Amino acid sequence: MSRPAQGSSSSPARTFAEIAVHLPRVQGTFHYHLPPSLESVLRPGHLVVVPFGPRRVHGIVVALAAEAPVPETRPVDALVDPDPVLTPAQLDLARWLAQATRSTLAESLAIMLPPGLAQRADTRYALLEPEPATRNDTETRLVHLLQARGPLRGRQLDRLLPHRGWARAAEALHRRGLVSRQSVLEGHVVHPRRVRRARLAVDPAKARETRLDLGDAARPAAARRRAALDLLLAEGGTLEPTWLYAEAGARPEDLRYLEARGLLAWDDVEVSRDPLAGVHAVATPPPPLTTEQTAAWEAIRPALEARRH
């Protein structure tokens, strides 16, 4: 479904982009025309900034065309990143998914985007004149910040000018040709995952000598501490605390006790984020089909084999 994005009248020479905007509860797609600067650049799958009512929002280009189904369109505001964020295959899959699940195309596209992608998109503001004329206090504060610190991003201005309505002031300065704005996409901020693991802090012989001196032997805490120490001895490496809690019945206070006695130490260990890292698939014969499954397979097999040829 396409809807008009009201604004300047379209021209036959223009290229139009069908865009799924990144907004909740918004149905359908919307058509915009490409400014000259994006005519030879924009492709399906690109993340862009477009005007949507009084706002500027992010959207995904899903198609390009020489005509628009609406009489008036507004221009694409900016390209966020030079590389498309979705491939043609992903766009086709999103269309199929939207049709099969009766969801919106924007919802189907959203699940294919890297987590937090829209949150990493920002706008960079810079002065175009050294001493621009301002019309109100917020514009003056914004200009002074850009003069003192150079170009700033929207998230930086959120912190520097809280509750000041700086975005309206920046838009007004931009319309008057005093401030430039450029959409940017920040780099990935994923860091290595690290977990805390326990290990013996003494040699095994010393740990075995100490295992019977872990508090009042008649109290359950002493038994839990011994069990945790025995597990560390048996494993010979590092163990996550959850493993000690599950296998030895230990509690956090027991591990703190062992640490205070100098028997346990902690290491921060980097672990892979790939859940399949180290997993090696081994081919095994498939289980036999039931009668109903066999009938279904015989019905679809000719079509699959025909497509292979």
C-alpha atoms as a PDB file:
ATOM      1  CA  MET A   1       0.000   0.000   0.000  1.00  0.00           C
ATOM      2  CA  SER A   2       1.306   3.457  -0.875  1.00  0.00           C
ATOM      3  CA  ARG A   3       0.318   6.791   0.557  1.00  0.00           C
ATOM      4  CA  PRO A   4       1.176  10.319  -0.418  1.00  0.00           C
ATOM      5  CA  ALA A   5       3.963  12.129   1.374  1.00  0.00           C
ATOM      6  CA  GLN A   6       2.634  15.649   0.865  1.00  0.00           C
ATOM      7  CA  GLY A   7       4.993  18.339  -0.434  1.00  0.00           C
ATOM      8  CA  SER A   8       6.436  19.546  -3.718  1.00  0.00           C
ATOM      9  CA  SER A   9       4.906  18.281  -6.986  1.00  0.00           C
ATOM     10  CA  SER A  10       6.600  15.392  -8.736  1.00  0.00           C
ATOM     11  CA  SER A  11       8.504  15.666 -12.017  1.00  0.00           C
ATOM     12  CA  PRO A  12       8.608  13.039 -14.834  1.00  0.00           C
ATOM     13  CA  ALA A  13      12.395  13.103 -14.766  1.00  0.00           C
ATOM     14  CA  ARG A  14      12.625  12.176 -11.114  1.00  0.00           C
ATOM     15  CA  THR A  15      13.380   8.833  -9.541  1.00  0.00           C
ATOM     16  CA  PHE A  16      11.049   7.780  -6.769  1.00  0.00           C
ATOM     17  CA  ALA A  17      11.753   5.584  -3.761  1.00  0.00           C
ATOM     18  CA  GLU A  18       9.209   3.382  -2.022  1.00  0.00           C
ATOM     19  CA  ILE A  19      10.118   3.457   1.666  1.00  0.00           C
ATOM     20  CA  ALA A  20       8.973   1.546   4.740  1.00  0.00           C
ATOM     21  CA  VAL A  21       9.318   3.979   7.624  1.00  0.00           C
ATOM     22  CA  HIS A  22      10.648   2.800  10.973  1.00  0.00           C
ATOM     23  CA  LEU A  23       7.683   3.780  13.135  1.00  0.00           C
ATOM     24  CA  PRO A  24       5.410   1.591  15.288  1.00  0.00           C
ATOM     25  CA  ARG A  25       1.802   1.140  14.201  1.00  0.00           C
ATOM     26  CA  VAL A  26       2.428   2.708  10.775  1.00  0.00           C
ATOM     27  CA  GLN A  27       0.885   0.702   7.929  1.00  0.00           C
ATOM     28  CA  GLY A  28       2.052   0.507   4.345  1.00  0.00           C
ATOM     29  CA  THR A  29       4.886   2.167   2.461  1.00  0.00           C
ATOM     30  CA  PHE A  30       5.382   5.760   1.341  1.00  0.00           C
ATOM     31  CA  HIS A  31       6.807   7.332  -1.810  1.00  0.00           C
ATOM     32  CA  TYR A  32       9.468  10.040  -1.892  1.00  0.00           C
ATOM     33  CA  HIS A  33      11.492  11.508  -4.729  1.00  0.00           C
ATOM     34  CA  LEU A  34      15.278  11.463  -4.814  1.00  0.00           C
ATOM     35  CA  PRO A  35      17.206  14.730  -4.700  1.00  0.00           C
ATOM     36  CA  PRO A  36      19.928  15.095  -7.370  1.00  0.00           C
ATOM     37  CA  SER A  37      22.644  14.199  -4.842  1.00  0.00           C
ATOM     38  CA  LEU A  38      21.117  10.733  -4.342  1.00  0.00           C
ATOM     39  CA  GLU A  39      19.995   9.955  -7.902  1.00  0.00           C
ATOM     40  CA  SER A  40      22.936   7.678  -8.715  1.00  0.00           C
ATOM     41  CA  VAL A  41      23.576   6.537  -5.138  1.00  0.00           C
ATOM     42  CA  LEU A  42      20.391   5.240  -3.558  1.00  0.00           C
ATOM     43  CA  ARG A  43      19.537   1.547  -3.893  1.00  0.00           C
ATOM     44  CA  PRO A  44      16.953  -0.797  -2.360  1.00  0.00           C
ATOM     45  CA  GLY A  45      18.072  -1.822   1.115  1.00  0.00           C
ATOM     46  CA  HIS A  46      19.524   1.566   2.052  1.00  0.00           C
ATOM     47  CA  LEU A  47      18.704   3.158   5.413  1.00  0.00           C
ATOM     48  CA  VAL A  48      17.550   6.752   4.877  1.00  0.00           C
ATOM     49  CA  VAL A  49      16.094   9.724   6.715  1.00  0.00           C
ATOM     50  CA  VAL A  50      12.801  11.083   5.370  1.00  0.00           C
ATOM     51  CA  PRO A  51      10.323  13.758   6.467  1.00  0.00           C
ATOM     52  CA  PHE A  52       7.164  12.282   7.945  1.00  0.00           C
ATOM     53  CA  GLY A  53       4.698  14.954   8.971  1.00  0.00           C
ATOM     54  CA  PRO A  54       6.650  17.361  11.209  1.00  0.00           C
ATOM     55  CA  ARG A  55       9.264  14.720  12.050  1.00  0.00           C
ATOM     56  CA  ARG A  56      12.346  13.248  10.407  1.00  0.00           C
ATOM     57  CA  VAL A  57      12.290   9.444  10.671  1.00  0.00           C
ATOM     58  CA  HIS A  58      14.337   6.470   9.485  1.00  0.00           C
ATOM     59  CA  GLY A  59      13.153   4.149   6.775  1.00  0.00           C
ATOM     60  CA  ILE A  60      14.301   1.355   4.457  1.00  0.00           C
ATOM     61  CA  VAL A  61      14.211   1.803   0.686  1.00  0.00           C
ATOM     62  CA  VAL A  62      12.315  -1.207  -0.674  1.00  0.00           C
ATOM     63  CA  ALA A  63      12.096  -0.226  -4.361  1.00  0.00           C
ATOM     64  CA  LEU A  64      12.976   2.469  -6.899  1.00  0.00           C
ATOM     65  CA  ALA A  65      10.741   3.541  -9.787  1.00  0.00           C
ATOM     66  CA  ALA A  66      10.427   6.174 -12.507  1.00  0.00           C
ATOM     67  CA  GLU A  67       6.881   7.022 -11.413  1.00  0.00           C
ATOM     68  CA  ALA A  68       5.011   7.409  -8.131  1.00  0.00           C
ATOM     69  CA  PRO A  69       1.383   6.393  -7.546  1.00  0.00           C
ATOM     70  CA  VAL A  70       0.712   9.723  -5.817  1.00  0.00           C
ATOM     71  CA  PRO A  71       0.625  13.226  -7.317  1.00  0.00           C
ATOM     72  CA  GLU A  72       2.910  14.888  -4.780  1.00  0.00           C
ATOM     73  CA  THR A  73       6.014  13.652  -2.983  1.00  0.00           C
ATOM     74  CA  ARG A  74       8.622  14.999  -0.627  1.00  0.00           C
ATOM     75  CA  PRO A  75      12.354  14.437  -1.090  1.00  0.00           C
ATOM     76  CA  VAL A  76      14.447  11.849   0.704  1.00  0.00           C
ATOM     77  CA  ASP A  77      16.288  13.876   3.318  1.00  0.00           C
ATOM     78  CA  ALA A  78      19.540  11.953   3.696  1.00  0.00           C
ATOM     79  CA  LEU A  79      21.333   8.643   3.273  1.00  0.00           C
ATOM     80  CA  VAL A  80      22.448   7.319   6.657  1.00  0.00           C
ATOM     81  CA  ASP A  81      25.142   4.890   5.518  1.00  0.00           C
ATOM     82  CA  PRO A  82      26.753   4.387   2.086  1.00  0.00           C
ATOM     83  CA  ASP A  83      26.195   0.618   2.206  1.00  0.00           C
ATOM     84  CA  PRO A  84      22.714  -0.965   2.129  1.00  0.00           C
ATOM     85  CA  VAL A  85      21.714  -2.508   5.451  1.00  0.00           C
ATOM     86  CA  LEU A  86      19.593  -5.216   3.775  1.00  0.00           C
ATOM     87  CA  THR A  87      20.277  -7.392   0.723  1.00  0.00           C
ATOM     88  CA  PRO A  88      17.812  -7.985  -2.157  1.00  0.00           C
ATOM     89  CA  ALA A  89      17.215 -11.502  -0.831  1.00  0.00           C
ATOM     90  CA  GLN A  90      16.295 -10.117   2.579  1.00  0.00           C
ATOM     91  CA  LEU A  91      13.886  -7.628   1.005  1.00  0.00           C
ATOM     92  CA  ASP A  92      12.198 -10.455  -0.931  1.00  0.00           C
ATOM     93  CA  LEU A  93      11.987 -12.549   2.223  1.00  0.00           C
ATOM     94  CA  ALA A  94      10.460  -9.630   4.151  1.00  0.00           C
ATOM     95  CA  ARG A  95       7.774  -9.185   1.469  1.00  0.00           C
ATOM     96  CA  TRP A  96       6.925 -12.885   1.622  1.00  0.00           C
ATOM     97  CA  LEU A  97       6.911 -12.844   5.426  1.00  0.00           C
ATOM     98  CA  ALA A  98       4.603  -9.818   5.552  1.00  0.00           C
ATOM     99  CA  GLN A  99       2.156 -11.530   3.195  1.00  0.00           C
ATOM    100  CA  ALA A 100       2.325 -14.912   4.925  1.00  0.00           C
ATOM    101  CA  THR A 101       1.895 -13.544   8.452  1.00  0.00           C
ATOM    102  CA  ARG A 102      -0.383 -10.589   7.575  1.00  0.00           C
ATOM    103  CA  SER A 103       2.084  -8.217   9.236  1.00  0.00           C
ATOM    104  CA  THR A 104       3.295  -4.897   7.875  1.00  0.00           C
ATOM    105  CA  LEU A 105       6.331  -4.780   5.625  1.00  0.00           C
ATOM    106  CA  ALA A 106       8.067  -2.482   8.135  1.00  0.00           C
ATOM    107  CA  GLU A 107       7.607  -5.109  10.878  1.00  0.00           C
ATOM    108  CA  SER A 108       9.043  -7.842   8.663  1.00  0.00           C
ATOM    109  CA  LEU A 109      12.013  -5.657   7.731  1.00  0.00           C
ATOM    110  CA  ALA A 110      12.675  -4.726  11.359  1.00  0.00           C
ATOM    111  CA  ILE A 111      13.426  -8.314  12.398  1.00  0.00           C
ATOM    112  CA  MET A 112      16.158  -8.496   9.748  1.00  0.00           C
ATOM    113  CA  LEU A 113      17.985  -5.385  10.882  1.00  0.00           C
ATOM    114  CA  PRO A 114      20.954  -5.699  13.228  1.00  0.00           C
ATOM    115  CA  PRO A 115      19.877  -5.065  16.846  1.00  0.00           C
ATOM    116  CA  GLY A 116      19.960  -1.395  17.739  1.00  0.00           C
ATOM    117  CA  LEU A 117      20.650  -0.237  14.179  1.00  0.00           C
ATOM    118  CA  ALA A 118      18.104   2.586  14.272  1.00  0.00           C
ATOM    119  CA  GLN A 119      19.402   3.657  17.685  1.00  0.00           C
ATOM    120  CA  ARG A 120      22.917   3.978  16.198  1.00  0.00           C
ATOM    121  CA  ALA A 121      21.727   6.407  13.526  1.00  0.00           C
ATOM    122  CA  ASP A 122      22.259  10.053  14.420  1.00  0.00           C
ATOM    123  CA  THR A 123      22.569  13.519  12.858  1.00  0.00           C
ATOM    124  CA  ARG A 124      25.716  15.642  12.821  1.00  0.00           C
ATOM    125  CA  TYR A 125      25.256  19.432  13.013  1.00  0.00           C
ATOM    126  CA  ALA A 126      27.865  22.020  11.972  1.00  0.00           C
ATOM    127  CA  LEU A 127      27.940  25.781  11.476  1.00  0.00           C
ATOM    128  CA  LEU A 128      27.992  27.111   7.927  1.00  0.00           C
ATOM    129  CA  GLU A 129      28.790  30.687   9.021  1.00  0.00           C
ATOM    130  CA  PRO A 130      31.182  31.740  11.786  1.00  0.00           C
ATOM    131  CA  GLU A 131      28.788  34.301  13.339  1.00  0.00           C
ATOM    132  CA  PRO A 132      25.211  33.374  12.397  1.00  0.00           C
ATOM    133  CA  ALA A 133      22.343  35.628  13.490  1.00  0.00           C
ATOM    134  CA  THR A 134      20.050  33.960  16.028  1.00  0.00           C
ATOM    135  CA  ARG A 135      16.434  34.686  16.901  1.00  0.00           C
ATOM    136  CA  ASN A 136      15.982  33.228  20.368  1.00  0.00           C
ATOM    137  CA  ASP A 137      17.890  32.001  23.411  1.00  0.00           C
ATOM    138  CA  THR A 138      17.939  28.332  22.352  1.00  0.00           C
ATOM    139  CA  GLU A 139      19.393  29.182  18.941  1.00  0.00           C
ATOM    140  CA  THR A 140      22.029  31.324  20.639  1.00  0.00           C
ATOM    141  CA  ARG A 141      23.008  28.524  23.039  1.00  0.00           C
ATOM    142  CA  LEU A 142      23.196  26.022  20.181  1.00  0.00           C
ATOM    143  CA  VAL A 143      25.368  28.327  18.074  1.00  0.00           C
ATOM    144  CA  HIS A 144      27.710  28.999  21.007  1.00  0.00           C
ATOM    145  CA  LEU A 145      28.151  25.254  21.544  1.00  0.00           C
ATOM    146  CA  LEU A 146      28.941  24.640  17.862  1.00  0.00           C
ATOM    147  CA  GLN A 147      31.372  27.564  17.873  1.00  0.00           C
ATOM    148  CA  ALA A 148      33.157  26.313  20.976  1.00  0.00           C
ATOM    149  CA  ARG A 149      33.203  22.582  20.273  1.00  0.00           C
ATOM    150  CA  GLY A 150      32.817  22.211  16.519  1.00  0.00           C
ATOM    151  CA  PRO A 151      30.337  19.821  14.865  1.00  0.00           C
ATOM    152  CA  LEU A 152      28.165  17.887  17.319  1.00  0.00           C
ATOM    153  CA  ARG A 153      25.801  14.947  17.060  1.00  0.00           C
ATOM    154  CA  GLY A 154      22.226  14.861  18.213  1.00  0.00           C
ATOM    155  CA  ARG A 155      22.967  12.625  21.196  1.00  0.00           C
ATOM    156  CA  GLN A 156      25.650  15.044  22.335  1.00  0.00           C
ATOM    157  CA  LEU A 157      23.231  17.970  22.080  1.00  0.00           C
ATOM    158  CA  ASP A 158      20.651  16.002  24.059  1.00  0.00           C
ATOM    159  CA  ARG A 159      23.134  15.921  26.954  1.00  0.00           C
ATOM    160  CA  LEU A 160      24.403  19.481  26.530  1.00  0.00           C
ATOM    161  CA  LEU A 161      21.016  21.169  26.027  1.00  0.00           C
ATOM    162  CA  PRO A 162      18.487  19.067  27.961  1.00  0.00           C
ATOM    163  CA  HIS A 163      14.863  20.216  27.881  1.00  0.00           C
ATOM    164  CA  ARG A 164      15.765  23.149  25.626  1.00  0.00           C
ATOM    165  CA  GLY A 165      14.024  22.111  22.401  1.00  0.00           C
ATOM    166  CA  TRP A 166      17.318  22.368  20.538  1.00  0.00           C
ATOM    167  CA  ALA A 167      16.051  20.223  17.627  1.00  0.00           C
ATOM    168  CA  ARG A 168      13.521  22.907  16.616  1.00  0.00           C
ATOM    169  CA  ALA A 169      16.238  25.550  16.862  1.00  0.00           C
ATOM    170  CA  ALA A 170      18.602  23.425  14.724  1.00  0.00           C
ATOM    171  CA  GLU A 171      15.878  22.920  12.114  1.00  0.00           C
ATOM    172  CA  ALA A 172      15.215  26.667  11.979  1.00  0.00           C
ATOM    173  CA  LEU A 173      18.929  27.427  11.569  1.00  0.00           C
ATOM    174  CA  HIS A 174      19.179  24.752   8.879  1.00  0.00           C
ATOM    175  CA  ARG A 175      16.282  26.237   6.898  1.00  0.00           C
ATOM    176  CA  ARG A 176      17.999  29.640   7.012  1.00  0.00           C
ATOM    177  CA  GLY A 177      21.216  28.102   5.659  1.00  0.00           C
ATOM    178  CA  LEU A 178      23.194  28.721   8.836  1.00  0.00           C
ATOM    179  CA  VAL A 179      23.646  25.121  10.049  1.00  0.00           C
ATOM    180  CA  SER A 180      24.312  21.939   8.073  1.00  0.00           C
ATOM    181  CA  ARG A 181      23.067  18.512   9.097  1.00  0.00           C
ATOM    182  CA  GLN A 182      24.336  15.132   8.004  1.00  0.00           C
ATOM    183  CA  SER A 183      22.952  11.724   8.882  1.00  0.00           C
ATOM    184  CA  VAL A 184      25.554   9.344  10.262  1.00  0.00           C
ATOM    185  CA  LEU A 185      25.562   5.747  11.400  1.00  0.00           C
ATOM    186  CA  GLU A 186      27.779   4.992  14.385  1.00  0.00           C
ATOM    187  CA  GLY A 187      29.999   1.934  14.335  1.00  0.00           C
ATOM    188  CA  HIS A 188      29.183  -1.297  16.097  1.00  0.00           C
ATOM    189  CA  VAL A 189      29.476  -1.100  19.861  1.00  0.00           C
ATOM    190  CA  VAL A 190      29.517  -4.831  20.606  1.00  0.00           C
ATOM    191  CA  HIS A 191      32.242  -5.757  23.058  1.00  0.00           C
ATOM    192  CA  PRO A 192      33.650  -9.189  23.910  1.00  0.00           C
ATOM    193  CA  ARG A 193      31.497 -11.015  26.420  1.00  0.00           C
ATOM    194  CA  ARG A 194      33.288 -11.696  29.676  1.00  0.00           C
ATOM    195  CA  VAL A 195      32.198 -13.936  32.537  1.00  0.00           C
ATOM    196  CA  ARG A 196      33.494 -14.317  36.059  1.00  0.00           C
ATOM    197  CA  ARG A 197      34.880 -17.741  36.902  1.00  0.00           C
ATOM    198  CA  ALA A 198      36.254 -19.245  40.093  1.00  0.00           C
ATOM    199  CA  ARG A 199      39.526 -21.165  40.408  1.00  0.00           C
ATOM    200  CA  LEU A 200      41.721 -22.555  43.132  1.00  0.00           C
ATOM    201  CA  ALA A 201      44.034 -19.907  44.573  1.00  0.00           C
ATOM    202  CA  VAL A 202      46.379 -22.460  46.162  1.00  0.00           C
ATOM    203  CA  ASP A 203      48.005 -25.674  44.992  1.00  0.00           C
ATOM    204  CA  PRO A 204      45.769 -28.779  45.195  1.00  0.00           C
ATOM    205  CA  ALA A 205      47.748 -30.295  48.101  1.00  0.00           C
ATOM    206  CA  LYS A 206      47.179 -27.197  50.224  1.00  0.00           C
ATOM    207  CA  ALA A 207      43.467 -27.207  49.332  1.00  0.00           C
ATOM    208  CA  ARG A 208      43.103 -30.840  50.410  1.00  0.00           C
ATOM    209  CA  GLU A 209      44.805 -30.093  53.733  1.00  0.00           C
ATOM    210  CA  THR A 210      42.398 -27.241  54.391  1.00  0.00           C
ATOM    211  CA  ARG A 211      39.123 -28.857  53.303  1.00  0.00           C
ATOM    212  CA  LEU A 212      38.324 -30.187  56.797  1.00  0.00           C
ATOM    213  CA  ASP A 213      38.905 -26.782  58.388  1.00  0.00           C
ATOM    214  CA  LEU A 214      36.110 -24.766  56.794  1.00  0.00           C
ATOM    215  CA  GLY A 215      34.059 -23.824  59.819  1.00  0.00           C
ATOM    216  CA  ASP A 216      31.922 -25.743  62.276  1.00  0.00           C
ATOM    217  CA  ALA A 217      31.710 -29.261  60.817  1.00  0.00           C
ATOM    218  CA  ALA A 218      28.216 -29.681  62.300  1.00  0.00           C
ATOM    219  CA  ARG A 219      26.816 -26.751  60.296  1.00  0.00           C
ATOM    220  CA  PRO A 220      25.524 -27.083  56.706  1.00  0.00           C
ATOM    221  CA  ALA A 221      27.725 -24.194  55.548  1.00  0.00           C
ATOM    222  CA  ALA A 222      30.900 -26.210  56.160  1.00  0.00           C
ATOM    223  CA  ALA A 223      29.582 -29.086  54.043  1.00  0.00           C
ATOM    224  CA  ARG A 224      28.701 -26.707  51.206  1.00  0.00           C
ATOM    225  CA  ARG A 225      32.175 -25.130  51.321  1.00  0.00           C
ATOM    226  CA  ARG A 226      33.835 -28.549  51.179  1.00  0.00           C
ATOM    227  CA  ALA A 227      31.653 -29.554  48.244  1.00  0.00           C
ATOM    228  CA  ALA A 228      32.584 -26.385  46.350  1.00  0.00           C
ATOM    229  CA  LEU A 229      36.279 -26.901  47.100  1.00  0.00           C
ATOM    230  CA  ASP A 230      36.089 -30.557  46.024  1.00  0.00           C
ATOM    231  CA  LEU A 231      34.452 -29.549  42.745  1.00  0.00           C
ATOM    232  CA  LEU A 232      37.201 -27.044  42.024  1.00  0.00           C
ATOM    233  CA  LEU A 233      39.781 -29.735  42.792  1.00  0.00           C
ATOM    234  CA  ALA A 234      38.056 -32.257  40.535  1.00  0.00           C
ATOM    235  CA  GLU A 235      37.683 -29.891  37.580  1.00  0.00           C
ATOM    236  CA  GLY A 236      41.190 -28.474  37.795  1.00  0.00           C
ATOM    237  CA  GLY A 237      40.274 -25.310  35.907  1.00  0.00           C
ATOM    238  CA  THR A 238      37.869 -22.411  36.221  1.00  0.00           C
ATOM    239  CA  LEU A 239      34.155 -22.758  36.903  1.00  0.00           C
ATOM    240  CA  GLU A 240      31.303 -20.290  36.632  1.00  0.00           C
ATOM    241  CA  PRO A 241      29.643 -19.622  39.991  1.00  0.00           C
ATOM    242  CA  THR A 242      26.317 -20.913  38.681  1.00  0.00           C
ATOM    243  CA  TRP A 243      27.968 -24.309  38.191  1.00  0.00           C
ATOM    244  CA  LEU A 244      29.197 -24.308  41.787  1.00  0.00           C
ATOM    245  CA  TYR A 245      25.729 -23.363  42.984  1.00  0.00           C
ATOM    246  CA  ALA A 246      24.068 -26.144  40.971  1.00  0.00           C
ATOM    247  CA  GLU A 247      26.561 -28.981  41.422  1.00  0.00           C
ATOM    248  CA  ALA A 248      27.922 -28.302  44.910  1.00  0.00           C
ATOM    249  CA  GLY A 249      24.893 -26.625  46.449  1.00  0.00           C
ATOM    250  CA  ALA A 250      27.113 -23.646  47.331  1.00  0.00           C
ATOM    251  CA  ARG A 251      25.797 -20.189  48.047  1.00  0.00           C
ATOM    252  CA  PRO A 252      27.374 -16.788  47.304  1.00  0.00           C
ATOM    253  CA  GLU A 253      28.399 -16.419  50.949  1.00  0.00           C
ATOM    254  CA  ASP A 254      30.236 -19.761  50.762  1.00  0.00           C
ATOM    255  CA  LEU A 255      32.327 -18.576  47.816  1.00  0.00           C
ATOM    256  CA  ARG A 256      33.053 -15.318  49.632  1.00  0.00           C
ATOM    257  CA  TYR A 257      34.227 -17.366  52.638  1.00  0.00           C
ATOM    258  CA  LEU A 258      36.572 -19.467  50.477  1.00  0.00           C
ATOM    259  CA  GLU A 259      37.900 -16.284  48.852  1.00  0.00           C
ATOM    260  CA  ALA A 260      38.541 -14.688  52.264  1.00  0.00           C
ATOM    261  CA  ARG A 261      40.442 -17.819  53.317  1.00  0.00           C
ATOM    262  CA  GLY A 262      42.657 -17.473  50.239  1.00  0.00           C
ATOM    263  CA  LEU A 263      41.402 -20.726  48.730  1.00  0.00           C
ATOM    264  CA  LEU A 264      39.421 -19.287  45.832  1.00  0.00           C
ATOM    265  CA  ALA A 265      40.216 -16.549  43.323  1.00  0.00           C
ATOM    266  CA  TRP A 266      38.268 -15.030  40.442  1.00  0.00           C
ATOM    267  CA  ASP A 267      39.177 -14.632  36.772  1.00  0.00           C
ATOM    268  CA  ASP A 268      37.381 -12.599  34.105  1.00  0.00           C
ATOM    269  CA  VAL A 269      37.286 -14.850  31.051  1.00  0.00           C
ATOM    270  CA  GLU A 270      36.321 -13.818  27.526  1.00  0.00           C
ATOM    271  CA  VAL A 271      33.808 -16.195  25.981  1.00  0.00           C
ATOM    272  CA  SER A 272      32.479 -16.542  22.445  1.00  0.00           C
ATOM    273  CA  ARG A 273      29.128 -14.972  21.604  1.00  0.00           C
ATOM    274  CA  ASP A 274      28.561 -17.633  18.950  1.00  0.00           C
ATOM    275  CA  PRO A 275      26.296 -20.320  20.459  1.00  0.00           C
ATOM    276  CA  LEU A 276      27.540 -22.804  17.837  1.00  0.00           C
ATOM    277  CA  ALA A 277      31.236 -22.083  18.369  1.00  0.00           C
ATOM    278  CA  GLY A 278      33.076 -25.372  18.834  1.00  0.00           C
ATOM    279  CA  VAL A 279      30.076 -27.428  17.736  1.00  0.00           C
ATOM    280  CA  HIS A 280      30.856 -29.890  14.963  1.00  0.00           C
ATOM    281  CA  ALA A 281      27.860 -31.279  13.112  1.00  0.00           C
ATOM    282  CA  VAL A 282      27.908 -34.990  12.412  1.00  0.00           C
ATOM    283  CA  ALA A 283      25.683 -36.403   9.706  1.00  0.00           C
ATOM    284  CA  THR A 284      23.373 -39.140  10.952  1.00  0.00           C
ATOM    285  CA  PRO A 285      20.778 -41.207   9.072  1.00  0.00           C
ATOM    286  CA  PRO A 286      17.337 -39.578   9.237  1.00  0.00           C
ATOM    287  CA  PRO A 287      14.653 -41.401  11.217  1.00  0.00           C
ATOM    288  CA  PRO A 288      12.193 -43.469   9.165  1.00  0.00           C
ATOM    289  CA  LEU A 289       9.101 -41.616   7.944  1.00  0.00           C
ATOM    290  CA  THR A 290       5.659 -42.495   9.189  1.00  0.00           C
ATOM    291  CA  THR A 291       2.993 -43.603   6.713  1.00  0.00           C
ATOM    292  CA  GLU A 292       1.476 -40.107   6.594  1.00  0.00           C
ATOM    293  CA  GLN A 293       4.897 -38.475   6.180  1.00  0.00           C
ATOM    294  CA  THR A 294       5.775 -40.843   3.357  1.00  0.00           C
ATOM    295  CA  ALA A 295       2.553 -39.966   1.547  1.00  0.00           C
ATOM    296  CA  ALA A 296       3.264 -36.245   1.922  1.00  0.00           C
ATOM    297  CA  TRP A 297       6.856 -36.660   0.711  1.00  0.00           C
ATOM    298  CA  GLU A 298       5.828 -38.627  -2.359  1.00  0.00           C
ATOM    299  CA  ALA A 299       3.396 -35.823  -3.228  1.00  0.00           C
ATOM    300  CA  ILE A 300       5.949 -33.004  -3.080  1.00  0.00           C
ATOM    301  CA  ARG A 301       9.100 -34.829  -4.230  1.00  0.00           C
ATOM    302  CA  PRO A 302       8.381 -34.627  -8.002  1.00  0.00           C
ATOM    303  CA  ALA A 303       8.026 -30.826  -7.826  1.00  0.00           C
ATOM    304  CA  LEU A 304      11.275 -30.436  -5.872  1.00  0.00           C
ATOM    305  CA  GLU A 305      13.183 -32.721  -8.218  1.00  0.00           C
ATOM    306  CA  ALA A 306      11.810 -30.862 -11.262  1.00  0.00           C
ATOM    307  CA  ARG A 307      13.076 -27.546  -9.890  1.00  0.00           C
ATOM    308  CA  ARG A 308      16.593 -29.002  -9.501  1.00  0.00           C
ATOM    309  CA  HIS A 309      16.651 -29.820 -13.197  1.00  0.00           C
END
